[in-house]
C-alpha atoms as a PDB file:
ATOM      1  CA  MET A   1      30.364  67.594  12.836  1.00  0.00           C
ATOM      2  CA  MET A   2      31.423  63.984  12.346  1.00  0.00           C
ATOM      3  CA  VAL A   3      30.147  62.949  15.776  1.00  0.00           C
ATOM      4  CA  ARG A   4      26.779  64.541  15.107  1.00  0.00           C
ATOM      5  CA  GLN A   5      26.375  62.594  11.813  1.00  0.00           C
ATOM      6  CA  LEU A   6      27.317  59.376  13.588  1.00  0.00           C
ATOM      7  CA  PHE A   7      24.617  59.927  16.220  1.00  0.00           C
ATOM      8  CA  GLN A   8      22.007  60.713  13.544  1.00  0.00           C
ATOM      9  CA  TRP A   9      22.957  57.573  11.627  1.00  0.00           C
ATOM     10  CA  ARG A  10      22.682  55.456  14.794  1.00  0.00           C
ATOM     11  CA  ARG A  11      19.268  56.998  15.540  1.00  0.00           C
ATOM     12  CA  TRP A  12      17.953  56.013  12.084  1.00  0.00           C
ATOM     13  CA  VAL A  13      19.316  52.475  12.457  1.00  0.00           C
ATOM     14  CA  MET A  14      17.694  52.096  15.883  1.00  0.00           C
ATOM     15  CA  LEU A  15      14.408  53.438  14.526  1.00  0.00           C
ATOM     16  CA  GLY A  16      14.557  50.920  11.660  1.00  0.00           C
ATOM     17  CA  VAL A  17      15.253  48.042  14.049  1.00  0.00           C
ATOM     18  CA  ALA A  18      12.363  49.141  16.288  1.00  0.00           C
ATOM     19  CA  ILE A  19       9.942  49.294  13.331  1.00  0.00           C
ATOM     20  CA  ALA A  20      11.068  45.881  12.047  1.00  0.00           C
ATOM     21  CA  GLY A  21      10.673  44.405  15.539  1.00  0.00           C
ATOM     22  CA  CYS A  22       7.144  45.789  15.893  1.00  0.00           C
ATOM     23  CA  TRP A  23       6.214  44.468  12.464  1.00  0.00           C
ATOM     24  CA  LEU A  24       7.465  40.979  13.330  1.00  0.00           C
ATOM     25  CA  LEU A  25       5.598  40.954  16.632  1.00  0.00           C
ATOM     26  CA  CYS A  26       2.327  42.091  15.057  1.00  0.00           C
ATOM     27  CA  THR A  27       2.224  39.575  12.205  1.00  0.00           C
ATOM     28  CA  ALA A  28       0.472  36.241  12.679  1.00  0.00           C
ATOM     29  CA  ASN A  29       2.497  33.043  12.719  1.00  0.00           C
ATOM     30  CA  ALA A  30       2.056  30.687   9.798  1.00  0.00           C
ATOM     31  CA  TRP A  31       1.913  27.338  11.574  1.00  0.00           C
ATOM     32  CA  ALA A  32       0.079  24.426  10.018  1.00  0.00           C
ATOM     33  CA  GLY A  33      -1.370  21.947  12.503  1.00  0.00           C
ATOM     34  CA  LEU A  34      -2.283  18.366  11.705  1.00  0.00           C
ATOM     35  CA  GLU A  35      -4.017  17.998  15.069  1.00  0.00           C
ATOM     36  CA  ASP A  36      -6.440  20.921  14.865  1.00  0.00           C
ATOM     37  CA  ASP A  37      -9.507  22.024  12.941  1.00  0.00           C
ATOM     38  CA  ASN A  38      -7.956  25.242  11.655  1.00  0.00           C
ATOM     39  CA  TYR A  39      -7.762  26.204   8.011  1.00  0.00           C
ATOM     40  CA  ASP A  40      -4.147  25.894   6.877  1.00  0.00           C
ATOM     41  CA  GLY A  41      -4.616  25.810   3.092  1.00  0.00           C
ATOM     42  CA  ASN A  42      -4.827  22.916   0.623  1.00  0.00           C
ATOM     43  CA  ILE A  43      -4.624  19.779   2.793  1.00  0.00           C
ATOM     44  CA  PHE A  44      -3.377  17.647  -0.087  1.00  0.00           C
ATOM     45  CA  ALA A  45      -0.405  19.940  -0.674  1.00  0.00           C
ATOM     46  CA  LEU A  46       0.354  20.456   3.031  1.00  0.00           C
ATOM     47  CA  TYR A  47      -0.272  17.051   4.588  1.00  0.00           C
ATOM     48  CA  ALA A  48      -0.014  14.629   1.677  1.00  0.00           C
ATOM     49  CA  GLY A  49       2.682  16.289  -0.382  1.00  0.00           C
ATOM     50  CA  ASN A  50       0.424  16.068  -3.411  1.00  0.00           C
ATOM     51  CA  GLY A  51      -1.099  19.356  -4.484  1.00  0.00           C
ATOM     52  CA  SER A  52      -1.856  17.867  -7.914  1.00  0.00           C
ATOM     53  CA  LEU A  53      -5.073  16.293  -6.612  1.00  0.00           C
ATOM     54  CA  VAL A  54      -6.873  19.634  -6.286  1.00  0.00           C
ATOM     55  CA  PRO A  55      -8.530  20.707  -8.458  1.00  0.00           C
ATOM     56  CA  PRO A  56      -9.405  17.292  -9.903  1.00  0.00           C
ATOM     57  CA  LYS A  57      -8.532  16.702 -13.554  1.00  0.00           C
ATOM     58  CA  VAL A  58     -12.021  15.361 -14.392  1.00  0.00           C
ATOM     59  CA  SER A  59     -15.483  15.555 -12.887  1.00  0.00           C
ATOM     60  CA  LEU A  60     -17.537  12.574 -11.773  1.00  0.00           C
ATOM     61  CA  ALA A  61     -19.774  13.010 -14.827  1.00  0.00           C
ATOM     62  CA  GLN A  62     -16.750  12.902 -17.162  1.00  0.00           C
ATOM     63  CA  SER A  63     -15.354   9.839 -15.417  1.00  0.00           C
ATOM     64  CA  MET A  64     -18.672   8.012 -15.807  1.00  0.00           C
ATOM     65  CA  LYS A  65     -18.953   9.132 -19.434  1.00  0.00           C
ATOM     66  CA  TYR A  66     -15.504   7.713 -20.210  1.00  0.00           C
ATOM     67  CA  GLU A  67     -16.323   4.541 -18.217  1.00  0.00           C
ATOM     68  CA  LYS A  68     -13.258   4.853 -16.034  1.00  0.00           C
ATOM     69  CA  PRO A  69     -13.192   3.800 -12.364  1.00  0.00           C
ATOM     70  CA  ALA A  70     -13.097   6.667  -9.913  1.00  0.00           C
ATOM     71  CA  LEU A  71     -12.252   7.438  -6.314  1.00  0.00           C
ATOM     72  CA  LEU A  72     -14.432  10.275  -5.027  1.00  0.00           C
ATOM     73  CA  VAL A  73     -13.438  11.903  -1.719  1.00  0.00           C
ATOM     74  CA  PHE A  74     -15.441  14.574   0.081  1.00  0.00           C
ATOM     75  CA  TYR A  75     -13.308  16.726   2.373  1.00  0.00           C
ATOM     76  CA  VAL A  76     -12.971  20.116   4.019  1.00  0.00           C
ATOM     77  CA  ASP A  77      -9.642  21.863   4.521  1.00  0.00           C
ATOM     78  CA  ASP A  78     -10.297  22.647   8.191  1.00  0.00           C
ATOM     79  CA  SER A  79     -10.933  19.133   9.535  1.00  0.00           C
ATOM     80  CA  THR A  80      -8.420  17.118  11.535  1.00  0.00           C
ATOM     81  CA  ASP A  81      -9.772  13.856  10.087  1.00  0.00           C
ATOM     82  CA  CYS A  82      -9.518  15.167   6.520  1.00  0.00           C
ATOM     83  CA  LYS A  83      -5.971  16.369   7.153  1.00  0.00           C
ATOM     84  CA  ARG A  84      -4.984  12.905   8.386  1.00  0.00           C
ATOM     85  CA  TYR A  85      -6.802  11.160   5.538  1.00  0.00           C
ATOM     86  CA  ALA A  86      -5.180  13.294   2.803  1.00  0.00           C
ATOM     87  CA  SER A  87      -2.006  11.191   2.909  1.00  0.00           C
ATOM     88  CA  VAL A  88      -4.014   7.972   2.408  1.00  0.00           C
ATOM     89  CA  VAL A  89      -5.640   9.424  -0.718  1.00  0.00           C
ATOM     90  CA  SER A  90      -2.228  10.481  -2.007  1.00  0.00           C
ATOM     91  CA  GLN A  91      -0.792   7.004  -1.340  1.00  0.00           C
ATOM     92  CA  LEU A  92      -3.664   5.439  -3.289  1.00  0.00           C
ATOM     93  CA  GLN A  93      -2.906   7.663  -6.246  1.00  0.00           C
ATOM     94  CA  ALA A  94       0.548   6.105  -6.609  1.00  0.00           C
ATOM     95  CA  PRO A  95      -0.635   2.649  -7.785  1.00  0.00           C
ATOM     96  CA  TYR A  96      -4.050   3.644  -9.188  1.00  0.00           C
ATOM     97  CA  GLY A  97      -3.627   7.242 -10.399  1.00  0.00           C
ATOM     98  CA  ARG A  98      -3.311   6.359 -14.077  1.00  0.00           C
ATOM     99  CA  ALA A  99      -6.006   3.680 -14.119  1.00  0.00           C
ATOM    100  CA  ALA A 100      -8.636   5.527 -12.055  1.00  0.00           C
ATOM    101  CA  ASN A 101      -9.795   9.106 -11.758  1.00  0.00           C
ATOM    102  CA  PHE A 102      -9.188  10.722  -8.375  1.00  0.00           C
ATOM    103  CA  ILE A 103     -11.864  13.301  -7.632  1.00  0.00           C
ATOM    104  CA  PRO A 104     -11.479  15.186  -4.337  1.00  0.00           C
ATOM    105  CA  VAL A 105     -14.498  17.438  -3.774  1.00  0.00           C
ATOM    106  CA  ALA A 106     -14.623  20.144  -1.128  1.00  0.00           C
ATOM    107  CA  ALA A 107     -17.864  19.535   0.751  1.00  0.00           C
ATOM    108  CA  ASP A 108     -18.319  23.306   1.068  1.00  0.00           C
ATOM    109  CA  SER A 109     -18.561  23.570  -2.722  1.00  0.00           C
ATOM    110  CA  ILE A 110     -21.653  21.349  -3.017  1.00  0.00           C
ATOM    111  CA  SER A 111     -24.607  23.590  -3.699  1.00  0.00           C
ATOM    112  CA  PRO A 112     -27.787  22.585  -1.842  1.00  0.00           C
ATOM    113  CA  GLN A 113     -30.450  21.368  -4.257  1.00  0.00           C
ATOM    114  CA  ALA A 114     -33.676  19.383  -3.988  1.00  0.00           C
ATOM    115  CA  ASP A 115     -32.536  16.779  -6.507  1.00  0.00           C
ATOM    116  CA  TYR A 116     -29.161  15.732  -7.837  1.00  0.00           C
ATOM    117  CA  ASP A 117     -28.295  13.732 -10.927  1.00  0.00           C
ATOM    118  CA  GLU A 118     -26.374  10.465 -10.362  1.00  0.00           C
ATOM    119  CA  THR A 119     -23.371  12.039 -12.093  1.00  0.00           C
ATOM    120  CA  ASP A 120     -23.316  14.923  -9.583  1.00  0.00           C
ATOM    121  CA  PRO A 121     -21.173  14.423  -6.453  1.00  0.00           C
ATOM    122  CA  GLY A 122     -23.933  15.970  -4.301  1.00  0.00           C
ATOM    123  CA  TYR A 123     -26.066  12.883  -5.013  1.00  0.00           C
ATOM    124  CA  TYR A 124     -23.679  10.772  -2.905  1.00  0.00           C
ATOM    125  CA  PHE A 125     -22.703  13.222  -0.142  1.00  0.00           C
ATOM    126  CA  THR A 126     -24.021  12.197   3.290  1.00  0.00           C
ATOM    127  CA  GLY A 127     -22.894  15.304   5.169  1.00  0.00           C
ATOM    128  CA  VAL A 128     -19.905  13.683   6.922  1.00  0.00           C
ATOM    129  CA  VAL A 129     -16.252  14.245   5.984  1.00  0.00           C
ATOM    130  CA  PRO A 130     -14.101  12.606   4.957  1.00  0.00           C
ATOM    131  CA  GLN A 131     -16.327  10.405   2.836  1.00  0.00           C
ATOM    132  CA  THR A 132     -14.826   7.994   0.307  1.00  0.00           C
ATOM    133  CA  LEU A 133     -16.582   6.378  -2.633  1.00  0.00           C
ATOM    134  CA  VAL A 134     -15.118   3.993  -5.192  1.00  0.00           C
ATOM    135  CA  PHE A 135     -16.912   3.612  -8.526  1.00  0.00           C
ATOM    136  CA  ASP A 136     -16.244   0.840 -11.007  1.00  0.00           C
ATOM    137  CA  ALA A 137     -16.089   1.445 -14.771  1.00  0.00           C
ATOM    138  CA  GLU A 138     -19.867   0.993 -15.074  1.00  0.00           C
ATOM    139  CA  GLY A 139     -20.517   3.715 -12.491  1.00  0.00           C
ATOM    140  CA  ASN A 140     -21.580   1.334  -9.703  1.00  0.00           C
ATOM    141  CA  VAL A 141     -20.638   2.317  -6.155  1.00  0.00           C
ATOM    142  CA  ARG A 142     -18.296  -0.355  -4.791  1.00  0.00           C
ATOM    143  CA  LEU A 143     -17.343   1.438  -1.569  1.00  0.00           C
ATOM    144  CA  ASN A 144     -19.083   4.195   0.388  1.00  0.00           C
ATOM    145  CA  GLU A 145     -17.465   4.887   3.765  1.00  0.00           C
ATOM    146  CA  THR A 146     -17.264   7.896   6.040  1.00  0.00           C
ATOM    147  CA  GLY A 147     -14.393   8.780   8.330  1.00  0.00           C
ATOM    148  CA  ILE A 148     -10.765   7.816   7.970  1.00  0.00           C
ATOM    149  CA  VAL A 149     -10.690   4.648   5.875  1.00  0.00           C
ATOM    150  CA  SER A 150      -7.500   2.593   5.878  1.00  0.00           C
ATOM    151  CA  TYR A 151      -5.358   2.311   2.777  1.00  0.00           C
ATOM    152  CA  GLU A 152      -5.832  -1.460   2.853  1.00  0.00           C
ATOM    153  CA  GLN A 153      -9.653  -1.222   2.889  1.00  0.00           C
ATOM    154  CA  VAL A 154      -9.745   1.028  -0.185  1.00  0.00           C
ATOM    155  CA  ASP A 155      -6.961  -0.977  -1.843  1.00  0.00           C
ATOM    156  CA  ASP A 156      -8.966  -4.199  -1.447  1.00  0.00           C
ATOM    157  CA  VAL A 157     -11.927  -2.630  -3.259  1.00  0.00           C
ATOM    158  CA  MET A 158      -9.684  -1.177  -5.970  1.00  0.00           C
ATOM    159  CA  ARG A 159      -8.139  -4.628  -6.463  1.00  0.00           C
ATOM    160  CA  GLU A 160     -11.635  -6.018  -7.033  1.00  0.00           C
ATOM    161  CA  VAL A 161     -12.505  -3.211  -9.457  1.00  0.00           C
ATOM    162  CA  PHE A 162      -9.349  -3.839 -11.504  1.00  0.00           C
ATOM    163  CA  ASP A 163      -9.504  -7.633 -11.153  1.00  0.00           C
ATOM    164  CA  LEU A 164      -6.118  -7.810  -9.415  1.00  0.00           C
ATOM    165  CA  LEU A 165      -4.858 -10.503  -7.071  1.00  0.00           C
ATOM    166  CA  PRO A 166      -6.203 -10.210  -3.530  1.00  0.00           C
ATOM    167  CA  ARG A 167      -3.801  -8.891  -0.947  1.00  0.00           C
ATOM    168  CA  THR A 168      -3.320 -12.395   0.516  1.00  0.00           C
ATOM    169  CA  GLU A 169      -2.010 -13.703  -2.827  1.00  0.00           C
ATOM    170  CA  SER A 170       0.205 -10.799  -3.825  1.00  0.00           C
ATOM    171  CA  VAL A 171       3.618  -9.632  -2.628  1.00  0.00           C
ATOM    172  CA  GLU A 172       3.447  -8.546   1.009  1.00  0.00           C
ATOM    173  CA  LEU A 173       4.058  -4.825   1.442  1.00  0.00           C
ATOM    174  CA  ARG A 174       4.926  -2.912   4.590  1.00  0.00           C
ATOM    175  CA  ARG A 175       4.706   0.784   5.430  1.00  0.00           C
ATOM    176  CA  ARG A 176       7.955   2.740   5.388  1.00  0.00           C
ATOM    177  CA  PRO A 177       7.751   6.232   6.920  1.00  0.00           C
ATOM    178  CA  ILE A 178       8.793   9.088   4.645  1.00  0.00           C
ATOM    179  CA  ASN A 179       8.181  11.813   7.229  1.00  0.00           C
ATOM    180  CA  GLU A 180       5.905  12.349  10.222  1.00  0.00           C
ATOM    181  CA  VAL A 181       2.781  12.443   8.011  1.00  0.00           C
ATOM    182  CA  ASN A 182       3.418  10.324   4.910  1.00  0.00           C
ATOM    183  CA  SER A 183       4.543   6.759   4.351  1.00  0.00           C
ATOM    184  CA  GLU A 184       4.939   4.490   1.358  1.00  0.00           C
ATOM    185  CA  LEU A 185       4.404   0.789   0.751  1.00  0.00           C
ATOM    186  CA  VAL A 186       7.494  -1.298   0.018  1.00  0.00           C
ATOM    187  CA  GLU A 187       8.119  -5.039  -0.284  1.00  0.00           C
ATOM    188  CA  GLU A 188       8.508  -6.963   2.946  1.00  0.00           C
ATOM    189  CA  SER A 189      12.156  -7.791   3.638  1.00  0.00           C
END
């Protein structure tokens, strides 16, 4: 009797292992890829380490109403260029996040209309992602670029908006890698 129970127990264990193996083989892998145009989820959380950017805390209309400078970024979560650019936006938030409003807008969320108000992000969208706009406190567009824009290019415009020293007159900073995607600016040694 004991031998028979042992064989039945082994049969149930083997059946359980077989079912678990089939389940593992049939499930899709969860691999995020920086170098592809696949949807992986929130690009700011995955590739910039900053999921706090989405959803934005204020709208463009609110930012203009409060007369606060803003950085508006149009993106899609399934674009290689947007995935790469997400870390630049996150790096810009470090020095300017309290002084300016960061407003990432998913291009897919812009509803097609005949006319847009100047406080509506759709007014500025050109149909290419990523697209970066910098607004001063008066609501004037100071930068409107498509594609991956360098940190330094946006930083130069932000320095003008906030009346800061130009890069050539301030402390020299260099990039220090944090991981394979992100880096930070530190003083030159």
